[in-house]
């Protein structure tokens, strides 16, 4: 957190809340608050965190992005070992 009045302090949280409302909440009708809590938590855990493509990840879902990063790190480490040897 930065100083008072810094516009970027809550940017990530506000972007997430906007996505949650636009892509899920406004498209649903919840009978109770408990139902809303359960469905929103499920959406976050099952869709947003695992399969939704993110602009920060070159428009890949988080799991394929992590696999790509891991492969790149492995290849880079192998190249460095080959150059040193």
PDB file of N, CA and C in Angstrom:
ATOM      1  N   UNK A   1       0.836  -1.181   0.000  1.00  0.00           N
ATOM      2  CA  UNK A   1       0.000   0.000   0.000  1.00  0.00           C
ATOM      3  C   UNK A   1       0.878   1.240   0.000  1.00  0.00           C
ATOM      4  N   UNK A   2       0.458   2.200  -0.733  1.00  0.00           N
ATOM      5  CA  UNK A   2       1.212   3.433  -0.838  1.00  0.00           C
ATOM      6  C   UNK A   2       0.601   4.538   0.004  1.00  0.00           C
ATOM      7  N   UNK A   3       0.847   5.732  -0.397  1.00  0.00           N
ATOM      8  CA  UNK A   3       0.338   6.897   0.327  1.00  0.00           C
ATOM      9  C   UNK A   3      -1.145   7.109   0.065  1.00  0.00           C
ATOM     10  N   UNK A   4      -1.732   7.911   0.901  1.00  0.00           N
ATOM     11  CA  UNK A   4      -3.147   8.260   0.736  1.00  0.00           C
ATOM     12  C   UNK A   4      -3.326   8.972  -0.601  1.00  0.00           C
ATOM     13  N   UNK A   5      -4.323   8.568  -1.336  1.00  0.00           N
ATOM     14  CA  UNK A   5      -4.611   9.210  -2.607  1.00  0.00           C
ATOM     15  C   UNK A   5      -3.921   8.586  -3.799  1.00  0.00           C
ATOM     16  N   UNK A   6      -3.134   7.538  -3.588  1.00  0.00           N
ATOM     17  CA  UNK A   6      -2.454   6.867  -4.701  1.00  0.00           C
ATOM     18  C   UNK A   6      -3.486   6.015  -5.448  1.00  0.00           C
ATOM     19  N   UNK A   7      -3.678   6.311  -6.702  1.00  0.00           N
ATOM     20  CA  UNK A   7      -4.720   5.641  -7.487  1.00  0.00           C
ATOM     21  C   UNK A   7      -4.412   4.179  -7.772  1.00  0.00           C
ATOM     22  N   UNK A   8      -3.151   3.771  -7.676  1.00  0.00           N
ATOM     23  CA  UNK A   8      -2.792   2.403  -8.023  1.00  0.00           C
ATOM     24  C   UNK A   8      -2.847   1.440  -6.847  1.00  0.00           C
ATOM     25  N   UNK A   9      -3.133   1.925  -5.652  1.00  0.00           N
ATOM     26  CA  UNK A   9      -3.144   1.066  -4.474  1.00  0.00           C
ATOM     27  C   UNK A   9      -4.086  -0.116  -4.614  1.00  0.00           C
ATOM     28  N   UNK A  10      -5.291   0.145  -5.031  1.00  0.00           N
ATOM     29  CA  UNK A  10      -6.302  -0.901  -5.075  1.00  0.00           C
ATOM     30  C   UNK A  10      -6.623  -1.361  -6.494  1.00  0.00           C
ATOM     31  N   UNK A  11      -5.759  -1.082  -7.430  1.00  0.00           N
ATOM     32  CA  UNK A  11      -6.056  -1.384  -8.830  1.00  0.00           C
ATOM     33  C   UNK A  11      -6.281  -2.875  -9.060  1.00  0.00           C
ATOM     34  N   UNK A  12      -5.440  -3.723  -8.484  1.00  0.00           N
ATOM     35  CA  UNK A  12      -5.594  -5.167  -8.705  1.00  0.00           C
ATOM     36  C   UNK A  12      -6.897  -5.675  -8.092  1.00  0.00           C
ATOM     37  N   UNK A  13      -7.206  -5.241  -6.882  1.00  0.00           N
ATOM     38  CA  UNK A  13      -8.442  -5.673  -6.233  1.00  0.00           C
ATOM     39  C   UNK A  13      -9.661  -5.167  -6.989  1.00  0.00           C
ATOM     40  N   UNK A  14      -9.615  -3.931  -7.449  1.00  0.00           N
ATOM     41  CA  UNK A  14     -10.748  -3.386  -8.190  1.00  0.00           C
ATOM     42  C   UNK A  14     -10.916  -4.081  -9.539  1.00  0.00           C
ATOM     43  N   UNK A  15      -9.828  -4.440 -10.191  1.00  0.00           N
ATOM     44  CA  UNK A  15      -9.924  -5.169 -11.458  1.00  0.00           C
ATOM     45  C   UNK A  15     -10.549  -6.541 -11.236  1.00  0.00           C
ATOM     46  N   UNK A  16     -10.142  -7.230 -10.165  1.00  0.00           N
ATOM     47  CA  UNK A  16     -10.732  -8.536  -9.865  1.00  0.00           C
ATOM     48  C   UNK A  16     -12.217  -8.402  -9.565  1.00  0.00           C
ATOM     49  N   UNK A  17     -12.582  -7.440  -8.707  1.00  0.00           N
ATOM     50  CA  UNK A  17     -13.990  -7.258  -8.361  1.00  0.00           C
ATOM     51  C   UNK A  17     -14.830  -6.924  -9.592  1.00  0.00           C
ATOM     52  N   UNK A  18     -14.295  -6.127 -10.489  1.00  0.00           N
ATOM     53  CA  UNK A  18     -15.008  -5.800 -11.720  1.00  0.00           C
ATOM     54  C   UNK A  18     -15.227  -7.050 -12.565  1.00  0.00           C
ATOM     55  N   UNK A  19     -14.185  -7.852 -12.712  1.00  0.00           N
ATOM     56  CA  UNK A  19     -14.302  -9.091 -13.485  1.00  0.00           C
ATOM     57  C   UNK A  19     -15.321 -10.021 -12.849  1.00  0.00           C
ATOM     58  N   UNK A  20     -15.266 -10.171 -11.542  1.00  0.00           N
ATOM     59  CA  UNK A  20     -16.209 -11.025 -10.827  1.00  0.00           C
ATOM     60  C   UNK A  20     -17.646 -10.573 -11.072  1.00  0.00           C
ATOM     61  N   UNK A  21     -17.892  -9.288 -10.970  1.00  0.00           N
ATOM     62  CA  UNK A  21     -19.256  -8.780 -11.160  1.00  0.00           C
ATOM     63  C   UNK A  21     -19.725  -8.929 -12.600  1.00  0.00           C
ATOM     64  N   UNK A  22     -18.872  -8.555 -13.557  1.00  0.00           N
ATOM     65  CA  UNK A  22     -19.277  -8.576 -14.967  1.00  0.00           C
ATOM     66  C   UNK A  22     -19.435 -10.000 -15.484  1.00  0.00           C
ATOM     67  N   UNK A  23     -18.490 -10.874 -15.153  1.00  0.00           N
ATOM     68  CA  UNK A  23     -18.508 -12.219 -15.732  1.00  0.00           C
ATOM     69  C   UNK A  23     -19.357 -13.219 -14.960  1.00  0.00           C
ATOM     70  N   UNK A  24     -19.684 -12.923 -13.705  1.00  0.00           N
ATOM     71  CA  UNK A  24     -20.428 -13.929 -12.938  1.00  0.00           C
ATOM     72  C   UNK A  24     -21.636 -13.370 -12.188  1.00  0.00           C
ATOM     73  N   UNK A  25     -21.427 -12.433 -11.298  1.00  0.00           N
ATOM     74  CA  UNK A  25     -22.495 -12.012 -10.389  1.00  0.00           C
ATOM     75  C   UNK A  25     -23.703 -11.448 -11.124  1.00  0.00           C
ATOM     76  N   UNK A  26     -23.488 -10.567 -12.080  1.00  0.00           N
ATOM     77  CA  UNK A  26     -24.617  -9.940 -12.773  1.00  0.00           C
ATOM     78  C   UNK A  26     -25.344 -10.899 -13.724  1.00  0.00           C
ATOM     79  N   UNK A  27     -24.783 -12.063 -13.947  1.00  0.00           N
ATOM     80  CA  UNK A  27     -25.422 -13.058 -14.818  1.00  0.00           C
ATOM     81  C   UNK A  27     -26.174 -14.122 -14.024  1.00  0.00           C
ATOM     82  N   UNK A  28     -26.163 -14.009 -12.702  1.00  0.00           N
ATOM     83  CA  UNK A  28     -26.769 -15.011 -11.834  1.00  0.00           C
ATOM     84  C   UNK A  28     -27.892 -14.397 -11.013  1.00  0.00           C
ATOM     85  N   UNK A  29     -28.743 -15.250 -10.502  1.00  0.00           N
ATOM     86  CA  UNK A  29     -29.747 -14.829  -9.522  1.00  0.00           C
ATOM     87  C   UNK A  29     -29.562 -15.730  -8.313  1.00  0.00           C
ATOM     88  N   UNK A  30     -29.286 -15.148  -7.172  1.00  0.00           N
ATOM     89  CA  UNK A  30     -29.060 -15.899  -5.951  1.00  0.00           C
ATOM     90  C   UNK A  30     -30.278 -15.766  -5.045  1.00  0.00           C
ATOM     91  N   UNK A  31     -30.732 -16.882  -4.489  1.00  0.00           N
ATOM     92  CA  UNK A  31     -31.892 -16.859  -3.599  1.00  0.00           C
ATOM     93  C   UNK A  31     -31.519 -16.391  -2.195  1.00  0.00           C
ATOM     94  N   UNK A  32     -30.312 -16.742  -1.749  1.00  0.00           N
ATOM     95  CA  UNK A  32     -29.879 -16.355  -0.401  1.00  0.00           C
ATOM     96  C   UNK A  32     -28.433 -15.881  -0.454  1.00  0.00           C
ATOM     97  N   UNK A  33     -28.004 -15.213   0.608  1.00  0.00           N
ATOM     98  CA  UNK A  33     -26.603 -14.790   0.696  1.00  0.00           C
ATOM     99  C   UNK A  33     -25.678 -15.995   0.786  1.00  0.00           C
ATOM    100  N   UNK A  34     -26.118 -17.029   1.484  1.00  0.00           N
ATOM    101  CA  UNK A  34     -25.301 -18.241   1.613  1.00  0.00           C
ATOM    102  C   UNK A  34     -25.069 -18.879   0.243  1.00  0.00           C
ATOM    103  N   UNK A  35     -26.126 -18.945  -0.559  1.00  0.00           N
ATOM    104  CA  UNK A  35     -25.992 -19.484  -1.912  1.00  0.00           C
ATOM    105  C   UNK A  35     -25.026 -18.627  -2.734  1.00  0.00           C
ATOM    106  N   UNK A  36     -25.128 -17.321  -2.604  1.00  0.00           N
ATOM    107  CA  UNK A  36     -24.224 -16.425  -3.332  1.00  0.00           C
ATOM    108  C   UNK A  36     -22.779 -16.662  -2.910  1.00  0.00           C
ATOM    109  N   UNK A  37     -22.540 -16.767  -1.617  1.00  0.00           N
ATOM    110  CA  UNK A  37     -21.173 -17.010  -1.135  1.00  0.00           C
ATOM    111  C   UNK A  37     -20.595 -18.304  -1.694  1.00  0.00           C
ATOM    112  N   UNK A  38     -21.393 -19.354  -1.662  1.00  0.00           N
ATOM    113  CA  UNK A  38     -20.919 -20.658  -2.146  1.00  0.00           C
ATOM    114  C   UNK A  38     -20.639 -20.619  -3.641  1.00  0.00           C
ATOM    115  N   UNK A  39     -21.559 -20.069  -4.413  1.00  0.00           N
ATOM    116  CA  UNK A  39     -21.380 -20.028  -5.867  1.00  0.00           C
ATOM    117  C   UNK A  39     -20.217 -19.125  -6.276  1.00  0.00           C
ATOM    118  N   UNK A  40     -20.049 -18.001  -5.603  1.00  0.00           N
ATOM    119  CA  UNK A  40     -18.940 -17.105  -5.926  1.00  0.00           C
ATOM    120  C   UNK A  40     -17.611 -17.753  -5.556  1.00  0.00           C
ATOM    121  N   UNK A  41     -17.530 -18.381  -4.386  1.00  0.00           N
ATOM    122  CA  UNK A  41     -16.293 -19.065  -3.987  1.00  0.00           C
ATOM    123  C   UNK A  41     -15.958 -20.192  -4.957  1.00  0.00           C
ATOM    124  N   UNK A  42     -16.969 -20.915  -5.399  1.00  0.00           N
ATOM    125  CA  UNK A  42     -16.749 -21.993  -6.362  1.00  0.00           C
ATOM    126  C   UNK A  42     -16.265 -21.441  -7.696  1.00  0.00           C
ATOM    127  N   UNK A  43     -16.856 -20.336  -8.146  1.00  0.00           N
ATOM    128  CA  UNK A  43     -16.429 -19.714  -9.410  1.00  0.00           C
ATOM    129  C   UNK A  43     -14.966 -19.292  -9.338  1.00  0.00           C
ATOM    130  N   UNK A  44     -14.594 -18.688  -8.219  1.00  0.00           N
ATOM    131  CA  UNK A  44     -13.213 -18.237  -8.056  1.00  0.00           C
ATOM    132  C   UNK A  44     -12.260 -19.424  -8.045  1.00  0.00           C
ATOM    133  N   UNK A  45     -12.572 -20.445  -7.267  1.00  0.00           N
ATOM    134  CA  UNK A  45     -11.670 -21.591  -7.119  1.00  0.00           C
ATOM    135  C   UNK A  45     -11.617 -22.457  -8.374  1.00  0.00           C
ATOM    136  N   UNK A  46     -12.767 -22.683  -9.003  1.00  0.00           N
ATOM    137  CA  UNK A  46     -12.809 -23.615 -10.131  1.00  0.00           C
ATOM    138  C   UNK A  46     -12.578 -22.980 -11.490  1.00  0.00           C
ATOM    139  N   UNK A  47     -12.947 -21.729 -11.675  1.00  0.00           N
ATOM    140  CA  UNK A  47     -12.810 -21.114 -12.988  1.00  0.00           C
ATOM    141  C   UNK A  47     -11.760 -20.014 -13.012  1.00  0.00           C
ATOM    142  N   UNK A  48     -11.931 -19.007 -12.186  1.00  0.00           N
ATOM    143  CA  UNK A  48     -11.053 -17.832 -12.259  1.00  0.00           C
ATOM    144  C   UNK A  48      -9.593 -18.201 -12.007  1.00  0.00           C
ATOM    145  N   UNK A  49      -9.328 -19.015 -11.004  1.00  0.00           N
ATOM    146  CA  UNK A  49      -7.958 -19.338 -10.643  1.00  0.00           C
ATOM    147  C   UNK A  49      -7.340 -20.442 -11.488  1.00  0.00           C
ATOM    148  N   UNK A  50      -8.133 -21.184 -12.224  1.00  0.00           N
ATOM    149  CA  UNK A  50      -7.565 -22.328 -12.950  1.00  0.00           C
ATOM    150  C   UNK A  50      -7.711 -22.264 -14.457  1.00  0.00           C
ATOM    151  N   UNK A  51      -8.837 -21.809 -14.972  1.00  0.00           N
ATOM    152  CA  UNK A  51      -9.046 -21.904 -16.415  1.00  0.00           C
ATOM    153  C   UNK A  51      -9.186 -20.567 -17.127  1.00  0.00           C
ATOM    154  N   UNK A  52      -9.504 -19.500 -16.403  1.00  0.00           N
ATOM    155  CA  UNK A  52      -9.696 -18.205 -17.064  1.00  0.00           C
ATOM    156  C   UNK A  52      -8.364 -17.664 -17.567  1.00  0.00           C
ATOM    157  N   UNK A  53      -8.352 -17.207 -18.818  1.00  0.00           N
ATOM    158  CA  UNK A  53      -7.127 -16.632 -19.381  1.00  0.00           C
ATOM    159  C   UNK A  53      -6.916 -15.239 -18.806  1.00  0.00           C
ATOM    160  N   UNK A  54      -5.650 -14.919 -18.498  1.00  0.00           N
ATOM    161  CA  UNK A  54      -5.313 -13.640 -17.888  1.00  0.00           C
ATOM    162  C   UNK A  54      -4.377 -12.858 -18.803  1.00  0.00           C
ATOM    163  N   UNK A  55      -4.613 -11.577 -18.931  1.00  0.00           N
ATOM    164  CA  UNK A  55      -3.766 -10.748 -19.791  1.00  0.00           C
ATOM    165  C   UNK A  55      -2.328 -10.702 -19.291  1.00  0.00           C
ATOM    166  N   UNK A  56      -2.128 -10.786 -17.989  1.00  0.00           N
ATOM    167  CA  UNK A  56      -0.773 -10.755 -17.432  1.00  0.00           C
ATOM    168  C   UNK A  56       0.008 -12.021 -17.764  1.00  0.00           C
ATOM    169  N   UNK A  57      -0.690 -13.076 -18.169  1.00  0.00           N
ATOM    170  CA  UNK A  57      -0.050 -14.353 -18.506  1.00  0.00           C
ATOM    171  C   UNK A  57      -0.022 -14.596 -20.007  1.00  0.00           C
ATOM    172  N   UNK A  58       0.105 -13.563 -20.783  1.00  0.00           N
ATOM    173  CA  UNK A  58       0.078 -13.688 -22.246  1.00  0.00           C
ATOM    174  C   UNK A  58      -1.183 -14.392 -22.726  1.00  0.00           C
ATOM    175  N   UNK A  59      -2.279 -14.104 -22.081  1.00  0.00           N
ATOM    176  CA  UNK A  59      -3.593 -14.648 -22.409  1.00  0.00           C
ATOM    177  C   UNK A  59      -3.652 -16.163 -22.319  1.00  0.00           C
ATOM    178  N   UNK A  60      -2.910 -16.721 -21.373  1.00  0.00           N
ATOM    179  CA  UNK A  60      -2.992 -18.142 -21.065  1.00  0.00           C
ATOM    180  C   UNK A  60      -3.658 -18.312 -19.713  1.00  0.00           C
ATOM    181  N   UNK A  61      -4.259 -19.474 -19.507  1.00  0.00           N
ATOM    182  CA  UNK A  61      -4.767 -19.805 -18.174  1.00  0.00           C
ATOM    183  C   UNK A  61      -3.570 -20.002 -17.250  1.00  0.00           C
ATOM    184  N   UNK A  62      -3.746 -19.848 -15.947  1.00  0.00           N
ATOM    185  CA  UNK A  62      -2.614 -19.931 -15.030  1.00  0.00           C
ATOM    186  C   UNK A  62      -1.834 -21.238 -15.078  1.00  0.00           C
ATOM    187  N   UNK A  63      -2.494 -22.366 -15.174  1.00  0.00           N
ATOM    188  CA  UNK A  63      -1.786 -23.650 -15.147  1.00  0.00           C
ATOM    189  C   UNK A  63      -0.917 -23.833 -16.391  1.00  0.00           C
ATOM    190  N   UNK A  64      -1.424 -23.651 -17.616  1.00  0.00           N
ATOM    191  CA  UNK A  64      -0.545 -23.741 -18.782  1.00  0.00           C
ATOM    192  C   UNK A  64       0.580 -22.700 -18.757  1.00  0.00           C
ATOM    193  N   UNK A  65       0.310 -21.522 -18.231  1.00  0.00           N
ATOM    194  CA  UNK A  65       1.349 -20.498 -18.123  1.00  0.00           C
ATOM    195  C   UNK A  65       2.463 -20.965 -17.194  1.00  0.00           C
ATOM    196  N   UNK A  66       2.104 -21.539 -16.058  1.00  0.00           N
ATOM    197  CA  UNK A  66       3.117 -22.039 -15.126  1.00  0.00           C
ATOM    198  C   UNK A  66       3.927 -23.171 -15.750  1.00  0.00           C
ATOM    199  N   UNK A  67       3.279 -24.039 -16.511  1.00  0.00           N
ATOM    200  CA  UNK A  67       4.013 -25.110 -17.200  1.00  0.00           C
ATOM    201  C   UNK A  67       5.005 -24.532 -18.205  1.00  0.00           C
ATOM    202  N   UNK A  68       4.575 -23.508 -18.933  1.00  0.00           N
ATOM    203  CA  UNK A  68       5.456 -22.871 -19.912  1.00  0.00           C
ATOM    204  C   UNK A  68       6.653 -22.226 -19.226  1.00  0.00           C
ATOM    205  N   UNK A  69       6.417 -21.545 -18.113  1.00  0.00           N
ATOM    206  CA  UNK A  69       7.506 -20.910 -17.377  1.00  0.00           C
ATOM    207  C   UNK A  69       8.470 -21.971 -16.847  1.00  0.00           C
ATOM    208  N   UNK A  70       7.941 -23.062 -16.327  1.00  0.00           N
ATOM    209  CA  UNK A  70       8.793 -24.133 -15.802  1.00  0.00           C
ATOM    210  C   UNK A  70       9.648 -24.743 -16.904  1.00  0.00           C
ATOM    211  N   UNK A  71       9.066 -24.971 -18.080  1.00  0.00           N
ATOM    212  CA  UNK A  71       9.840 -25.517 -19.203  1.00  0.00           C
ATOM    213  C   UNK A  71      10.937 -24.544 -19.625  1.00  0.00           C
ATOM    214  N   UNK A  72      10.614 -23.269 -19.658  1.00  0.00           N
ATOM    215  CA  UNK A  72      11.607 -22.260 -20.049  1.00  0.00           C
ATOM    216  C   UNK A  72      12.748 -22.208 -19.041  1.00  0.00           C
ATOM    217  N   UNK A  73      12.423 -22.300 -17.762  1.00  0.00           N
ATOM    218  CA  UNK A  73      13.467 -22.300 -16.729  1.00  0.00           C
ATOM    219  C   UNK A  73      14.346 -23.536 -16.842  1.00  0.00           C
ATOM    220  N   UNK A  74      13.749 -24.684 -17.091  1.00  0.00           N
ATOM    221  CA  UNK A  74      14.512 -25.920 -17.235  1.00  0.00           C
ATOM    222  C   UNK A  74      15.434 -25.836 -18.440  1.00  0.00           C
ATOM    223  N   UNK A  75      14.921 -25.339 -19.554  1.00  0.00           N
ATOM    224  CA  UNK A  75      15.730 -25.209 -20.763  1.00  0.00           C
ATOM    225  C   UNK A  75      16.861 -24.217 -20.539  1.00  0.00           C
ATOM    226  N   UNK A  76      16.569 -23.123 -19.846  1.00  0.00           N
ATOM    227  CA  UNK A  76      17.597 -22.122 -19.576  1.00  0.00           C
ATOM    228  C   UNK A  76      18.689 -22.688 -18.681  1.00  0.00           C
ATOM    229  N   UNK A  77      18.296 -23.418 -17.656  1.00  0.00           N
ATOM    230  CA  UNK A  77      19.275 -24.016 -16.747  1.00  0.00           C
ATOM    231  C   UNK A  77      20.130 -25.051 -17.486  1.00  0.00           C
ATOM    232  N   UNK A  78      19.525 -25.834 -18.359  1.00  0.00           N
ATOM    233  CA  UNK A  78      20.270 -26.822 -19.130  1.00  0.00           C
ATOM    234  C   UNK A  78      21.258 -26.130 -20.068  1.00  0.00           C
ATOM    235  N   UNK A  79      20.862 -25.027 -20.663  1.00  0.00           N
ATOM    236  CA  UNK A  79      21.750 -24.287 -21.557  1.00  0.00           C
ATOM    237  C   UNK A  79      22.920 -23.711 -20.789  1.00  0.00           C
ATOM    238  N   UNK A  80      22.683 -23.177 -19.605  1.00  0.00           N
ATOM    239  CA  UNK A  80      23.761 -22.621 -18.788  1.00  0.00           C
ATOM    240  C   UNK A  80      24.728 -23.728 -18.378  1.00  0.00           C
ATOM    241  N   UNK A  81      24.215 -24.887 -17.979  1.00  0.00           N
ATOM    242  CA  UNK A  81      25.096 -26.015 -17.602  1.00  0.00           C
ATOM    243  C   UNK A  81      25.929 -26.455 -18.797  1.00  0.00           C
ATOM    244  N   UNK A  82      25.327 -26.481 -19.983  1.00  0.00           N
ATOM    245  CA  UNK A  82      26.065 -26.903 -21.177  1.00  0.00           C
ATOM    246  C   UNK A  82      27.157 -25.900 -21.520  1.00  0.00           C
ATOM    247  N   UNK A  83      26.882 -24.607 -21.338  1.00  0.00           N
ATOM    248  CA  UNK A  83      27.872 -23.591 -21.650  1.00  0.00           C
ATOM    249  C   UNK A  83      29.024 -23.607 -20.655  1.00  0.00           C
ATOM    250  N   UNK A  84      28.735 -23.910 -19.391  1.00  0.00           N
ATOM    251  CA  UNK A  84      29.770 -23.937 -18.356  1.00  0.00           C
ATOM    252  C   UNK A  84      30.651 -25.166 -18.504  1.00  0.00           C
ATOM    253  N   UNK A  85      30.051 -26.284 -18.899  1.00  0.00           N
ATOM    254  CA  UNK A  85      30.805 -27.540 -18.990  1.00  0.00           C
ATOM    255  C   UNK A  85      31.744 -27.583 -20.151  1.00  0.00           C
TER     256      UNK A  85
END
